[in-house]
Amino acid sequence: SAEVAHGLGRPADEAAAWEAYLRAGKVPDRVCPALPHAYARLGDRARQIDALERCAALAADEPERWRDLAAGLAEAGRQDDAADALDRARALDPGNPALAVHTASADAPLPGAP
């Protein structure tokens, strides 16, 4: 399982298990943010961003997914896209003070950023 692979420090196996979980039509709440984190541990920025984008799309009403996407995009130097994702998170959770004070910048990562 993905959890076992994570515990064994095998991020490639962990990512593969989470991908299989998603293909089986399972809900993303168990996969996100574990899948993007597995790709981050592999050093695969492109797959990390892809996973963050898929997670945001699958759970479009969850501000945490958009916040995570904003942080990943900012770390990748995609500031405009990061700002858009952060705006989406703020729109979903306008009362969240953590989202109100953060900017989508690699210099100021968001809480819980991968």
C-alpha atoms as a PDB file:
ATOM      1  CA  SER A   1       0.000   0.000   0.000  1.00  0.00           C
ATOM      2  CA  ALA A   2       0.967   3.635  -0.327  1.00  0.00           C
ATOM      3  CA  GLU A   3       1.272   4.017   3.441  1.00  0.00           C
ATOM      4  CA  VAL A   4       3.634   1.066   3.674  1.00  0.00           C
ATOM      5  CA  ALA A   5       5.781   2.402   0.828  1.00  0.00           C
ATOM      6  CA  HIS A   6       5.862   5.789   2.547  1.00  0.00           C
ATOM      7  CA  GLY A   7       6.940   4.200   5.817  1.00  0.00           C
ATOM      8  CA  LEU A   8       9.688   2.306   4.022  1.00  0.00           C
ATOM      9  CA  GLY A   9      10.965   5.493   2.390  1.00  0.00           C
ATOM     10  CA  ARG A  10      10.068   4.353  -1.120  1.00  0.00           C
ATOM     11  CA  PRO A  11       8.429   7.409  -2.736  1.00  0.00           C
ATOM     12  CA  ALA A  12       8.301   5.892  -6.240  1.00  0.00           C
ATOM     13  CA  ASP A  13       6.291   2.927  -4.965  1.00  0.00           C
ATOM     14  CA  GLU A  14       4.179   5.251  -2.840  1.00  0.00           C
ATOM     15  CA  ALA A  15       3.367   7.459  -5.837  1.00  0.00           C
ATOM     16  CA  ALA A  16       2.497   4.425  -7.970  1.00  0.00           C
ATOM     17  CA  ALA A  17       0.155   3.119  -5.282  1.00  0.00           C
ATOM     18  CA  TRP A  18      -1.603   6.486  -4.952  1.00  0.00           C
ATOM     19  CA  GLU A  19      -1.958   6.710  -8.740  1.00  0.00           C
ATOM     20  CA  ALA A  20      -3.567   3.245  -8.775  1.00  0.00           C
ATOM     21  CA  TYR A  21      -5.885   4.355  -5.975  1.00  0.00           C
ATOM     22  CA  LEU A  22      -7.031   7.334  -8.058  1.00  0.00           C
ATOM     23  CA  ARG A  23      -7.485   5.205 -11.196  1.00  0.00           C
ATOM     24  CA  ALA A  24      -9.739   2.910  -9.195  1.00  0.00           C
ATOM     25  CA  GLY A  25     -12.066   5.872  -8.747  1.00  0.00           C
ATOM     26  CA  LYS A  26     -11.386   6.400  -5.077  1.00  0.00           C
ATOM     27  CA  VAL A  27     -12.032   9.738  -3.423  1.00  0.00           C
ATOM     28  CA  PRO A  28      -9.066  12.099  -3.444  1.00  0.00           C
ATOM     29  CA  ASP A  29      -9.119  12.975   0.254  1.00  0.00           C
ATOM     30  CA  ARG A  30      -6.716  10.112   1.047  1.00  0.00           C
ATOM     31  CA  VAL A  31      -4.517  10.805  -1.958  1.00  0.00           C
ATOM     32  CA  CYS A  32      -4.154  14.550  -1.611  1.00  0.00           C
ATOM     33  CA  PRO A  33      -1.650  15.797  -0.511  1.00  0.00           C
ATOM     34  CA  ALA A  34       0.197  12.467  -0.213  1.00  0.00           C
ATOM     35  CA  LEU A  35       0.679  11.971  -3.965  1.00  0.00           C
ATOM     36  CA  PRO A  36       2.238  15.404  -4.623  1.00  0.00           C
ATOM     37  CA  HIS A  37       4.470  14.931  -1.574  1.00  0.00           C
ATOM     38  CA  ALA A  38       5.690  11.576  -2.923  1.00  0.00           C
ATOM     39  CA  TYR A  39       6.654  13.219  -6.200  1.00  0.00           C
ATOM     40  CA  ALA A  40       8.358  16.041  -4.287  1.00  0.00           C
ATOM     41  CA  ARG A  41      10.452  13.487  -2.383  1.00  0.00           C
ATOM     42  CA  LEU A  42      11.423  11.994  -5.747  1.00  0.00           C
ATOM     43  CA  GLY A  43      12.502  15.431  -6.926  1.00  0.00           C
ATOM     44  CA  ASP A  44      10.014  15.266  -9.811  1.00  0.00           C
ATOM     45  CA  ARG A  45       8.652  18.824  -9.897  1.00  0.00           C
ATOM     46  CA  ALA A  46       6.624  18.308 -13.095  1.00  0.00           C
ATOM     47  CA  ARG A  47       4.736  15.324 -11.676  1.00  0.00           C
ATOM     48  CA  GLN A  48       4.336  17.111  -8.343  1.00  0.00           C
ATOM     49  CA  ILE A  49       2.662  20.066 -10.070  1.00  0.00           C
ATOM     50  CA  ASP A  50       0.540  17.729 -12.194  1.00  0.00           C
ATOM     51  CA  ALA A  51      -0.626  15.903  -9.059  1.00  0.00           C
ATOM     52  CA  LEU A  52      -1.362  19.190  -7.283  1.00  0.00           C
ATOM     53  CA  GLU A  53      -3.405  20.351 -10.274  1.00  0.00           C
ATOM     54  CA  ARG A  54      -5.334  17.077 -10.426  1.00  0.00           C
ATOM     55  CA  CYS A  55      -6.003  17.214  -6.706  1.00  0.00           C
ATOM     56  CA  ALA A  56      -7.315  20.774  -6.977  1.00  0.00           C
ATOM     57  CA  ALA A  57      -9.571  19.763  -9.863  1.00  0.00           C
ATOM     58  CA  LEU A  58     -10.878  16.670  -8.053  1.00  0.00           C
ATOM     59  CA  ALA A  59     -11.602  18.620  -4.868  1.00  0.00           C
ATOM     60  CA  ALA A  60     -12.375  22.018  -6.370  1.00  0.00           C
ATOM     61  CA  ASP A  61     -14.366  23.106  -3.314  1.00  0.00           C
ATOM     62  CA  GLU A  62     -11.515  22.506  -0.841  1.00  0.00           C
ATOM     63  CA  PRO A  63      -9.369  25.592  -0.229  1.00  0.00           C
ATOM     64  CA  GLU A  64      -6.525  23.430   1.101  1.00  0.00           C
ATOM     65  CA  ARG A  65      -6.043  21.845  -2.305  1.00  0.00           C
ATOM     66  CA  TRP A  66      -5.811  25.274  -3.975  1.00  0.00           C
ATOM     67  CA  ARG A  67      -3.452  26.497  -1.244  1.00  0.00           C
ATOM     68  CA  ASP A  68      -1.214  23.474  -1.823  1.00  0.00           C
ATOM     69  CA  LEU A  69      -1.295  24.090  -5.562  1.00  0.00           C
ATOM     70  CA  ALA A  70      -0.396  27.755  -5.036  1.00  0.00           C
ATOM     71  CA  ALA A  71       2.585  26.786  -2.898  1.00  0.00           C
ATOM     72  CA  GLY A  72       3.823  24.215  -5.420  1.00  0.00           C
ATOM     73  CA  LEU A  73       3.452  26.616  -8.325  1.00  0.00           C
ATOM     74  CA  ALA A  74       5.260  29.353  -6.403  1.00  0.00           C
ATOM     75  CA  GLU A  75       8.131  27.000  -5.611  1.00  0.00           C
ATOM     76  CA  ALA A  76       8.306  26.186  -9.331  1.00  0.00           C
ATOM     77  CA  GLY A  77       8.589  29.887 -10.162  1.00  0.00           C
ATOM     78  CA  ARG A  78       5.123  30.104 -11.693  1.00  0.00           C
ATOM     79  CA  GLN A  79       4.092  33.181  -9.715  1.00  0.00           C
ATOM     80  CA  ASP A  80       1.103  34.231 -11.843  1.00  0.00           C
ATOM     81  CA  ASP A  81      -0.412  30.744 -11.748  1.00  0.00           C
ATOM     82  CA  ALA A  82       0.322  30.564  -8.020  1.00  0.00           C
ATOM     83  CA  ALA A  83      -1.477  33.855  -7.444  1.00  0.00           C
ATOM     84  CA  ASP A  84      -4.511  32.553  -9.362  1.00  0.00           C
ATOM     85  CA  ALA A  85      -4.617  29.372  -7.268  1.00  0.00           C
ATOM     86  CA  LEU A  86      -4.254  31.368  -4.064  1.00  0.00           C
ATOM     87  CA  ASP A  87      -7.094  33.657  -5.170  1.00  0.00           C
ATOM     88  CA  ARG A  88      -9.235  30.553  -5.660  1.00  0.00           C
ATOM     89  CA  ALA A  89      -8.400  29.349  -2.138  1.00  0.00           C
ATOM     90  CA  ARG A  90      -9.247  32.771  -0.699  1.00  0.00           C
ATOM     91  CA  ALA A  91     -12.570  32.839  -2.559  1.00  0.00           C
ATOM     92  CA  LEU A  92     -13.483  29.459  -1.068  1.00  0.00           C
ATOM     93  CA  ASP A  93     -12.439  30.440   2.463  1.00  0.00           C
ATOM     94  CA  PRO A  94     -12.534  34.244   2.705  1.00  0.00           C
ATOM     95  CA  GLY A  95     -12.400  34.245   6.504  1.00  0.00           C
ATOM     96  CA  ASN A  96      -9.185  32.252   6.730  1.00  0.00           C
ATOM     97  CA  PRO A  97      -6.546  34.623   8.133  1.00  0.00           C
ATOM     98  CA  ALA A  98      -3.683  32.395   6.961  1.00  0.00           C
ATOM     99  CA  LEU A  99      -4.815  32.818   3.367  1.00  0.00           C
ATOM    100  CA  ALA A 100      -5.407  36.537   3.816  1.00  0.00           C
ATOM    101  CA  VAL A 101      -1.844  37.332   4.841  1.00  0.00           C
ATOM    102  CA  HIS A 102       0.120  35.075   2.501  1.00  0.00           C
ATOM    103  CA  THR A 103       1.245  35.898  -0.962  1.00  0.00           C
ATOM    104  CA  ALA A 104       2.037  33.308  -3.589  1.00  0.00           C
ATOM    105  CA  SER A 105       5.785  33.650  -3.475  1.00  0.00           C
ATOM    106  CA  ALA A 106       8.561  31.158  -3.129  1.00  0.00           C
ATOM    107  CA  ASP A 107      10.008  33.441  -0.438  1.00  0.00           C
ATOM    108  CA  ALA A 108       6.890  33.074   1.712  1.00  0.00           C
ATOM    109  CA  PRO A 109       5.634  29.485   1.410  1.00  0.00           C
ATOM    110  CA  LEU A 110       2.106  28.794   2.499  1.00  0.00           C
ATOM    111  CA  PRO A 111       1.351  26.706   5.568  1.00  0.00           C
ATOM    112  CA  GLY A 112       1.486  23.016   4.796  1.00  0.00           C
ATOM    113  CA  ALA A 113       3.358  23.541   1.549  1.00  0.00           C
ATOM    114  CA  PRO A 114       4.937  20.379   0.165  1.00  0.00           C
END
